[in-house]
Amino acid sequence: MKPMKKKTVLWLLLIAGMLLAFAACGTRQTGKPAEDPVFTRDGLKLTIPAEYADLLVVATPEYDAEGDGYVLFRVSEKASMEAAKALDAEENLGAGELFSIIRRSEKEAHEMLCYDLSGVEMIGRDTAEQYYFVCRPTDVRFVRLENIEEGTKQWEALNAWADSVPRRFVEENAGLTAQTRGNSLLEMYLNRIAYLPETNYTLSTAAFGPLDGDGFDASAYVEKLLDGVTYEAVDQKAPDGECTVLELSEDFIRFDFFLTDGGESYIRQVWNDNRNEQFYKASGVDGAVRTGEVVRDWFDELAAFTAQKWEQTADDLVGRWVEQSARRGVIEITKGERAGEYRVEVSRPTGDHQKAVWTMNAKAPDLSEGRIAYTDARMTIRTYASEAAFTEEVKYENGIGSFCLAGDNEIIWQDDQDVAMDTCVFVRAD
């Protein structure tokens, strides 16, 4: 038998290798991919990617009233836990922790939002008005005794996955609705006003001094300012025009909510005896949020609430009032034919032989409140040829607004049509 030639042997070896490769490929194609393990707790589930399953430890701790409260899931890196155990050092307690998911009652959640929440993020709520948070350590829990470079890469990959957990957890649990809240100083103080009754604050405008918020439920306005709203710190010059000032004098801090067109979404935080300031811009899903308008509505309702505390009624608005600052504007309010109806005329000089005049028919939404509102304001410019003879130029009709008592002898005009006289304070002239 003749020996095989070298070329023949090489060809046979090559063909055999190709067959082995094809066989190997076929085996991988028919194999089933590993399934993502799912952990459950109280009807909620947390899915871990299969590729990380052997790298992580998922704990479901018992409820601890004195400690962390109700922790649903705590997820840690196994290698860091094992390295810390080998060191047997107390300072390595919590080693490897990536995040925890906790649940709080509505009251507990609201109280949490009143303080610094470094490393804690609200992510959702359920139909029972329980709130869910993801807690991330604010210090590094990575521990290794060897293979540090390889371990660092693994740690970074696990943290990148942990960043996506809040969104994924809400999405995979049908009973949850996404709910987020920021934790800037502005947001903390707004939460305190809504949820800590002992919080003292005032609201004021350039024209009218501070109204004390004591006893007033501001939670509806706080919700409007916080739900779905993001506050971003920005470099900004103060917008021109007026603002409503929210002040917490006990903490030596105030927030200016601007009203000027183009500036309604900006808020200025001022502290340290007016030496420091920070601007925020409010944004929502659909763009900028007009926070200035929300706070001005808050001010208007607080003014009406304050008047009611003084047991004043709509009839207490009847009389002659003059503009407090310039003493130029005059308001005449008389009773109408029926209870709760009033005739109002406002006038203010605008130049030689000329003045602006507003006339409207107002009604009291509630006779027990010191407030009347109108929807039919007619504003004209009158030019006088003599004391009795004048011509009129109509500027607008069907303007809306209100008048409300702000004290024993003061009223505020809230003019939603013409900002020139908006929130001007008038004092009794009688």
Protein backbone atom coordinates (compact mmCIF):
# COMPACT_ATOMS: atom_id res chain seq x y z
CA MET A 1 0.00 0.00 0.00
CA LYS A 2 1.41 3.30 -1.09
CA PRO A 3 1.81 6.03 1.50
CA MET A 4 -0.49 9.01 1.13
CA LYS A 5 0.94 12.14 -0.32
CA LYS A 6 1.36 15.20 1.92
CA LYS A 7 -1.12 17.28 -0.14
CA THR A 8 -3.76 14.59 0.25
CA VAL A 9 -3.27 14.51 4.03
CA LEU A 10 -3.56 18.30 4.24
CA TRP A 11 -6.79 18.31 2.27
CA LEU A 12 -8.31 15.62 4.47
CA LEU A 13 -7.38 17.54 7.62
CA LEU A 14 -8.89 20.73 6.18
CA ILE A 15 -12.17 19.00 5.26
CA ALA A 16 -12.38 17.38 8.72
CA GLY A 17 -11.91 20.77 10.40
CA MET A 18 -14.65 22.34 8.27
CA LEU A 19 -17.05 19.54 9.17
CA LEU A 20 -16.34 20.05 12.87
CA ALA A 21 -16.93 23.78 12.53
CA PHE A 22 -20.25 23.26 10.75
CA ALA A 23 -21.28 20.80 13.45
CA ALA A 24 -20.43 23.28 16.17
CA CYS A 25 -22.44 26.03 14.46
CA GLY A 26 -25.41 23.78 14.20
CA THR A 27 -25.28 22.99 17.91
CA ARG A 28 -25.36 26.73 18.90
CA GLN A 29 -28.29 27.42 16.60
CA THR A 30 -30.47 24.70 18.09
CA GLY A 31 -29.64 25.53 21.73
CA LYS A 32 -32.22 27.54 23.74
CA PRO A 33 -31.07 30.93 25.11
CA ALA A 34 -31.02 31.22 28.89
CA GLU A 35 -34.19 32.77 30.31
CA ASP A 36 -34.10 35.97 32.37
CA PRO A 37 -34.77 35.04 36.01
CA VAL A 38 -37.76 36.79 37.59
CA PHE A 39 -38.01 37.57 41.31
CA THR A 40 -41.43 38.29 42.87
CA ARG A 41 -42.59 40.04 46.02
CA ASP A 42 -46.16 41.02 46.96
CA GLY A 43 -47.34 40.52 43.39
CA LEU A 44 -44.51 42.65 41.98
CA LYS A 45 -41.72 41.31 39.85
CA LEU A 46 -38.12 42.24 39.13
CA THR A 47 -36.45 40.74 36.07
CA ILE A 48 -32.69 40.20 35.97
CA PRO A 49 -30.91 39.79 32.61
CA ALA A 50 -29.73 36.18 32.18
CA GLU A 51 -26.18 37.35 31.44
CA TYR A 52 -25.98 38.91 34.92
CA ALA A 53 -27.87 36.23 36.85
CA ASP A 54 -24.73 34.55 38.26
CA LEU A 55 -23.14 37.90 39.10
CA LEU A 56 -25.89 39.23 41.34
CA VAL A 57 -27.56 38.50 44.66
CA VAL A 58 -31.23 39.52 44.95
CA ALA A 59 -32.55 39.79 48.50
CA THR A 60 -36.12 40.34 49.73
CA PRO A 61 -35.60 41.56 53.31
CA GLU A 62 -38.19 41.38 56.05
CA TYR A 63 -40.01 44.60 56.98
CA ASP A 64 -37.88 46.66 59.36
CA ALA A 65 -39.78 49.50 61.04
CA GLU A 66 -36.67 50.80 62.79
CA GLY A 67 -34.37 50.52 59.80
CA ASP A 68 -34.95 50.63 56.06
CA GLY A 69 -38.70 50.11 56.26
CA TYR A 70 -40.28 48.07 53.49
CA VAL A 71 -37.50 47.04 51.11
CA LEU A 72 -39.02 44.98 48.31
CA PHE A 73 -35.79 44.04 46.54
CA ARG A 74 -32.12 44.67 47.29
CA VAL A 75 -29.68 43.85 44.47
CA SER A 76 -25.92 43.49 45.03
CA GLU A 77 -22.87 42.30 43.14
CA LYS A 78 -21.86 38.85 44.38
CA ALA A 79 -18.09 39.29 43.83
CA SER A 80 -17.94 42.43 45.99
CA MET A 81 -19.92 40.73 48.75
CA GLU A 82 -17.55 37.76 48.72
CA ALA A 83 -14.46 40.01 48.71
CA ALA A 84 -15.84 42.02 51.64
CA LYS A 85 -16.61 38.81 53.54
CA ALA A 86 -13.00 37.71 53.08
CA LEU A 87 -11.83 41.01 54.56
CA ASP A 88 -14.23 40.55 57.48
CA ALA A 89 -14.37 44.30 58.10
CA GLU A 90 -17.36 46.17 59.52
CA GLU A 91 -16.81 49.09 57.15
CA ASN A 92 -17.59 46.77 54.24
CA LEU A 93 -21.18 46.14 55.34
CA GLY A 94 -23.39 46.78 52.32
CA ALA A 95 -20.55 45.95 49.95
CA GLY A 96 -21.63 45.34 46.37
CA GLU A 97 -25.04 46.98 46.76
CA LEU A 98 -26.29 48.38 43.45
CA PHE A 99 -29.81 49.45 44.37
CA SER A 100 -32.88 48.77 46.47
CA ILE A 101 -36.54 49.19 45.57
CA ILE A 102 -38.65 50.40 48.49
CA ARG A 103 -42.37 51.09 49.00
CA ARG A 104 -43.88 53.82 51.16
CA SER A 105 -47.39 54.93 52.10
CA GLU A 106 -48.63 58.24 50.69
CA LYS A 107 -47.98 60.01 54.00
CA GLU A 108 -44.49 58.55 54.32
CA ALA A 109 -43.67 59.42 50.70
CA HIS A 110 -44.81 63.01 51.11
CA GLU A 111 -42.69 63.40 54.24
CA MET A 112 -39.65 61.96 52.44
CA LEU A 113 -40.01 64.54 49.67
CA CYS A 114 -39.67 67.36 52.21
CA TYR A 115 -35.98 66.58 52.85
CA ASP A 116 -32.76 65.82 51.02
CA LEU A 117 -33.07 62.56 49.06
CA SER A 118 -29.53 62.06 47.80
CA GLY A 119 -29.43 58.73 45.99
CA VAL A 120 -33.20 58.22 46.22
CA GLU A 121 -35.55 58.55 43.24
CA MET A 122 -39.35 58.33 43.19
CA ILE A 123 -40.35 56.11 40.27
CA GLY A 124 -44.06 55.29 40.56
CA ARG A 125 -47.24 54.71 42.54
CA ASP A 126 -49.90 52.01 42.63
CA THR A 127 -53.69 52.09 42.77
CA ALA A 128 -53.60 52.04 46.58
CA GLU A 129 -51.65 55.33 46.51
CA GLN A 130 -48.46 53.65 47.69
CA TYR A 131 -45.26 55.11 46.28
CA TYR A 132 -42.13 53.38 45.00
CA PHE A 133 -38.54 54.57 45.17
CA VAL A 134 -35.20 53.32 43.89
CA CYS A 135 -32.32 53.86 46.32
CA ARG A 136 -28.75 53.95 45.03
CA PRO A 137 -25.75 54.11 47.40
CA THR A 138 -24.08 57.53 47.42
CA ASP A 139 -20.69 55.89 48.10
CA VAL A 140 -18.93 53.23 46.01
CA ARG A 141 -19.66 49.68 47.23
CA PHE A 142 -17.15 48.01 44.87
CA VAL A 143 -14.71 45.65 46.65
CA ARG A 144 -11.97 43.46 45.15
CA LEU A 145 -8.88 41.66 46.42
CA GLU A 146 -7.58 40.77 42.95
CA ASN A 147 -8.37 41.14 39.23
CA ILE A 148 -9.32 44.74 39.88
CA GLU A 149 -9.31 45.85 36.25
CA GLU A 150 -11.60 43.04 35.13
CA GLY A 151 -13.79 43.57 38.20
CA THR A 152 -14.11 47.28 37.46
CA LYS A 153 -15.43 46.58 33.98
CA GLN A 154 -18.01 44.18 35.41
CA TRP A 155 -19.04 46.73 38.08
CA GLU A 156 -19.52 49.44 35.46
CA ALA A 157 -21.63 47.12 33.28
CA LEU A 158 -23.87 46.22 36.23
CA ASN A 159 -24.33 49.88 37.16
CA ALA A 160 -25.24 50.74 33.57
CA TRP A 161 -27.97 48.10 33.75
CA ALA A 162 -29.10 49.42 37.16
CA ASP A 163 -29.65 52.84 35.55
CA SER A 164 -32.43 51.29 33.43
CA VAL A 165 -34.16 49.50 36.31
CA PRO A 166 -36.56 52.32 37.39
CA ARG A 167 -38.18 52.53 33.95
CA ARG A 168 -38.21 48.76 33.40
CA PHE A 169 -39.65 47.99 36.85
CA VAL A 170 -42.64 50.30 36.30
CA GLU A 171 -43.21 48.99 32.78
CA GLU A 172 -43.24 45.30 33.75
CA ASN A 173 -45.63 45.76 36.69
CA ALA A 174 -49.08 46.57 35.31
CA GLY A 175 -50.39 47.97 38.59
CA LEU A 176 -47.82 50.76 38.69
CA THR A 177 -47.98 54.22 37.14
CA ALA A 178 -44.84 56.24 36.54
CA GLN A 179 -44.49 59.08 39.05
CA THR A 180 -41.38 61.21 39.50
CA ARG A 181 -40.43 64.13 41.73
CA GLY A 182 -37.25 66.17 41.83
CA ASN A 183 -35.35 67.12 44.97
CA SER A 184 -34.03 70.64 44.42
CA LEU A 185 -34.36 73.16 47.25
CA LEU A 186 -37.35 74.68 45.45
CA GLU A 187 -39.12 71.33 45.26
CA MET A 188 -38.29 70.45 48.87
CA TYR A 189 -39.81 73.69 50.16
CA LEU A 190 -42.91 73.33 47.99
CA ASN A 191 -43.42 69.85 49.43
CA ARG A 192 -43.01 71.19 52.96
CA ILE A 193 -45.70 73.81 52.35
CA ALA A 194 -48.10 71.12 51.13
CA TYR A 195 -47.30 68.29 53.53
CA LEU A 196 -45.82 69.76 56.73
CA PRO A 197 -48.51 71.92 58.39
CA GLU A 198 -45.96 73.64 60.63
CA THR A 199 -44.21 75.22 57.62
CA ASN A 200 -44.57 79.01 57.65
CA TYR A 201 -44.55 80.97 54.40
CA THR A 202 -45.92 84.12 52.80
CA LEU A 203 -46.91 85.11 49.27
CA SER A 204 -46.61 88.69 48.06
CA THR A 205 -46.50 90.85 44.94
CA ALA A 206 -44.75 94.13 44.25
CA ALA A 207 -48.02 95.95 44.91
CA PHE A 208 -49.29 94.01 47.91
CA GLY A 209 -47.42 93.01 51.03
CA PRO A 210 -47.15 89.43 52.28
CA LEU A 211 -50.15 87.17 52.88
CA ASP A 212 -49.58 84.55 55.57
CA GLY A 213 -50.29 81.00 54.37
CA ASP A 214 -51.22 79.75 57.85
CA GLY A 215 -54.25 77.46 57.67
CA PHE A 216 -54.51 77.55 53.88
CA ASP A 217 -54.38 74.22 52.00
CA ALA A 218 -51.90 74.85 49.19
CA SER A 219 -51.51 71.19 48.16
CA ALA A 220 -53.51 71.60 44.91
CA TYR A 221 -51.14 74.34 43.72
CA VAL A 222 -48.07 72.42 44.85
CA GLU A 223 -49.24 69.39 42.85
CA LYS A 224 -49.61 71.59 39.75
CA LEU A 225 -46.09 72.89 40.25
CA LEU A 226 -44.52 69.47 40.82
CA ASP A 227 -46.41 66.71 39.00
CA GLY A 228 -44.69 65.97 35.70
CA VAL A 229 -42.57 69.12 36.05
CA THR A 230 -38.76 69.18 35.92
CA TYR A 231 -36.77 72.07 37.37
CA GLU A 232 -33.39 72.61 35.75
CA ALA A 233 -30.79 74.97 37.18
CA VAL A 234 -29.89 77.49 34.45
CA ASP A 235 -27.78 80.59 33.92
CA GLN A 236 -30.32 83.34 33.47
CA LYS A 237 -30.78 87.06 33.99
CA ALA A 238 -33.89 88.14 35.86
CA PRO A 239 -36.79 88.65 33.41
CA ASP A 240 -38.26 92.13 33.32
CA GLY A 241 -41.61 92.76 34.94
CA GLU A 242 -43.39 91.64 38.07
CA CYS A 243 -43.24 88.42 40.00
CA THR A 244 -45.00 86.69 42.89
CA VAL A 245 -42.70 86.09 45.84
CA LEU A 246 -42.83 82.93 47.93
CA GLU A 247 -40.82 83.54 51.11
CA LEU A 248 -39.85 81.26 53.97
CA SER A 249 -38.37 83.80 56.32
CA GLU A 250 -37.49 81.31 59.07
CA ASP A 251 -35.09 79.64 56.64
CA PHE A 252 -33.93 82.95 55.09
CA ILE A 253 -34.87 81.91 51.56
CA ARG A 254 -37.33 83.11 48.93
CA PHE A 255 -38.45 82.14 45.42
CA ASP A 256 -39.54 84.68 42.79
CA PHE A 257 -42.03 83.34 40.21
CA PHE A 258 -41.99 85.63 37.16
CA LEU A 259 -45.06 86.62 35.14
CA THR A 260 -43.63 88.49 32.16
CA ASP A 261 -44.23 86.98 28.70
CA GLY A 262 -41.32 84.66 28.02
CA GLY A 263 -40.38 84.56 31.69
CA GLU A 264 -43.33 82.65 33.18
CA SER A 265 -41.28 79.44 33.40
CA TYR A 266 -38.38 80.95 35.34
CA ILE A 267 -37.96 80.99 39.10
CA ARG A 268 -35.27 82.82 41.04
CA GLN A 269 -34.07 81.36 44.34
CA VAL A 270 -32.52 83.98 46.66
CA TRP A 271 -30.76 83.27 49.95
CA ASN A 272 -27.88 84.32 52.20
CA ASP A 273 -29.20 87.86 52.78
CA ASN A 274 -29.78 88.38 49.04
CA ARG A 275 -26.12 87.67 48.27
CA ASN A 276 -26.75 84.42 46.40
CA GLU A 277 -29.24 83.52 43.70
CA GLN A 278 -30.01 80.56 41.47
CA PHE A 279 -32.41 80.39 38.54
CA TYR A 280 -34.56 77.40 37.59
CA LYS A 281 -36.48 76.72 34.41
CA ALA A 282 -39.65 74.62 34.68
CA SER A 283 -40.32 72.11 31.90
CA GLY A 284 -43.01 69.50 31.31
CA VAL A 285 -43.70 66.82 28.74
CA ASP A 286 -45.10 69.41 26.32
CA GLY A 287 -42.45 72.06 26.93
CA ALA A 288 -42.17 75.01 29.30
CA VAL A 289 -44.53 75.18 32.30
CA ARG A 290 -45.99 78.58 33.21
CA THR A 291 -45.29 78.39 36.92
CA GLY A 292 -45.76 82.14 37.36
CA GLU A 293 -49.45 81.84 36.49
CA VAL A 294 -49.95 78.93 38.90
CA VAL A 295 -48.42 80.87 41.78
CA ARG A 296 -50.43 83.99 40.95
CA ASP A 297 -53.64 81.90 41.10
CA TRP A 298 -52.40 80.55 44.43
CA PHE A 299 -51.94 84.15 45.63
CA ASP A 300 -55.47 85.12 44.52
CA GLU A 301 -57.09 82.23 46.36
CA LEU A 302 -54.97 82.88 49.44
CA ALA A 303 -56.16 86.51 49.37
CA ALA A 304 -59.81 85.36 49.26
CA PHE A 305 -59.12 82.87 52.05
CA THR A 306 -57.54 85.62 54.15
CA ALA A 307 -60.56 87.86 53.62
CA GLN A 308 -62.89 85.05 54.69
CA LYS A 309 -60.84 84.53 57.87
CA TRP A 310 -61.58 88.16 58.69
CA GLU A 311 -65.30 87.38 58.27
CA GLN A 312 -65.70 89.88 55.46
CA THR A 313 -68.36 89.49 52.77
CA ALA A 314 -68.75 90.68 49.20
CA ASP A 315 -70.80 93.63 50.40
CA ASP A 316 -67.73 94.93 52.23
CA LEU A 317 -66.29 95.76 48.78
CA VAL A 318 -68.95 98.42 48.21
CA GLY A 319 -67.56 101.95 48.34
CA ARG A 320 -64.89 104.18 46.86
CA TRP A 321 -61.29 103.00 46.74
CA VAL A 322 -58.07 104.75 45.63
CA GLU A 323 -54.83 103.27 44.34
CA GLN A 324 -52.49 102.80 47.30
CA SER A 325 -49.19 103.64 45.65
CA ALA A 326 -49.79 106.38 43.05
CA ARG A 327 -53.20 107.54 44.37
CA ARG A 328 -54.29 108.02 40.75
CA GLY A 329 -56.59 105.08 40.11
CA VAL A 330 -60.10 105.07 41.59
CA ILE A 331 -62.60 102.20 41.97
CA GLU A 332 -66.31 102.82 42.56
CA ILE A 333 -68.32 99.73 43.59
CA THR A 334 -72.07 99.93 44.07
CA LYS A 335 -74.72 97.29 44.73
CA GLY A 336 -76.78 95.97 41.84
CA GLU A 337 -80.49 95.27 41.76
CA ARG A 338 -80.13 91.75 43.14
CA ALA A 339 -78.15 90.30 46.01
CA GLY A 340 -74.64 89.34 44.95
CA GLU A 341 -74.62 91.72 41.92
CA TYR A 342 -72.40 94.80 41.75
CA ARG A 343 -71.66 97.65 39.36
CA VAL A 344 -68.00 98.63 39.10
CA GLU A 345 -66.22 101.55 37.45
CA VAL A 346 -62.46 102.02 37.51
CA SER A 347 -60.75 105.14 36.23
CA ARG A 348 -57.15 106.29 35.99
CA PRO A 349 -55.63 109.40 34.30
CA THR A 350 -53.43 108.59 31.30
CA GLY A 351 -52.50 112.13 30.16
CA ASP A 352 -53.73 115.69 29.84
CA HIS A 353 -57.54 115.70 29.46
CA GLN A 354 -57.50 111.92 29.12
CA LYS A 355 -58.16 108.89 31.28
CA ALA A 356 -58.70 105.14 31.02
CA VAL A 357 -62.07 103.85 32.19
CA TRP A 358 -63.14 100.27 32.91
CA THR A 359 -66.80 99.41 33.49
CA MET A 360 -68.09 95.98 34.45
CA ASN A 361 -70.92 94.07 36.10
CA ALA A 362 -69.57 91.80 38.82
CA LYS A 363 -71.06 88.94 40.79
CA ALA A 364 -70.12 87.29 44.08
CA PRO A 365 -69.44 83.55 43.58
CA ASP A 366 -70.09 83.19 47.31
CA LEU A 367 -71.70 85.98 49.33
CA SER A 368 -69.78 84.85 52.42
CA GLU A 369 -66.45 85.57 50.71
CA GLY A 370 -64.94 89.00 50.15
CA ARG A 371 -64.59 88.52 46.42
CA ILE A 372 -66.51 89.48 43.26
CA ALA A 373 -65.73 88.48 39.67
CA TYR A 374 -66.66 89.76 36.21
CA THR A 375 -66.53 88.64 32.56
CA ASP A 376 -67.84 91.71 30.71
CA ALA A 377 -65.28 94.47 31.34
CA ARG A 378 -65.28 97.28 28.78
CA MET A 379 -62.15 99.41 28.65
CA THR A 380 -62.14 102.82 26.92
CA ILE A 381 -59.92 105.86 26.63
CA ARG A 382 -61.86 109.07 27.24
CA THR A 383 -60.60 112.38 25.87
CA TYR A 384 -62.28 115.38 27.50
CA ALA A 385 -63.14 118.62 25.68
CA SER A 386 -64.67 119.91 28.94
CA GLU A 387 -65.59 118.43 32.29
CA ALA A 388 -68.81 116.97 30.89
CA ALA A 389 -68.00 116.52 27.18
CA PHE A 390 -65.71 113.71 26.00
CA THR A 391 -65.10 111.25 23.20
CA GLU A 392 -64.47 107.53 23.78
CA GLU A 393 -62.17 105.04 22.06
CA VAL A 394 -62.94 101.41 22.88
CA LYS A 395 -59.81 99.37 23.60
CA TYR A 396 -61.41 96.02 24.44
CA GLU A 397 -64.59 94.39 25.66
CA ASN A 398 -65.49 91.21 27.58
CA GLY A 399 -62.45 91.42 29.82
CA ILE A 400 -62.35 89.11 32.85
CA GLY A 401 -61.01 89.49 36.37
CA SER A 402 -61.97 89.97 40.03
CA PHE A 403 -61.77 92.18 43.09
CA CYS A 404 -61.07 90.72 46.52
CA LEU A 405 -60.60 92.03 50.02
CA ALA A 406 -57.09 91.75 51.40
CA GLY A 407 -57.65 93.35 54.77
CA ASP A 408 -60.01 95.60 56.67
CA ASN A 409 -59.41 98.53 54.32
CA GLU A 410 -57.66 97.10 51.26
CA ILE A 411 -58.75 95.35 48.07
CA ILE A 412 -56.77 93.80 45.21
CA TRP A 413 -57.80 94.08 41.58
CA GLN A 414 -56.91 90.94 39.63
CA ASP A 415 -57.18 92.03 35.99
CA ASP A 416 -56.69 89.07 33.66
CA GLN A 417 -56.99 91.21 30.52
CA ASP A 418 -54.80 94.25 31.14
CA VAL A 419 -51.62 93.65 33.16
CA ALA A 420 -51.11 97.40 33.59
CA MET A 421 -53.46 97.37 36.60
CA ASP A 422 -53.12 93.71 37.52
CA THR A 423 -52.85 93.04 41.28
CA CYS A 424 -52.87 96.76 42.14
CA VAL A 425 -53.83 97.43 45.76
CA PHE A 426 -56.55 99.99 46.56
CA VAL A 427 -57.40 101.44 49.95
CA ARG A 428 -60.73 102.76 51.14
CA ALA A 429 -61.21 106.45 50.35
CA ASP A 430 -64.38 106.96 52.38
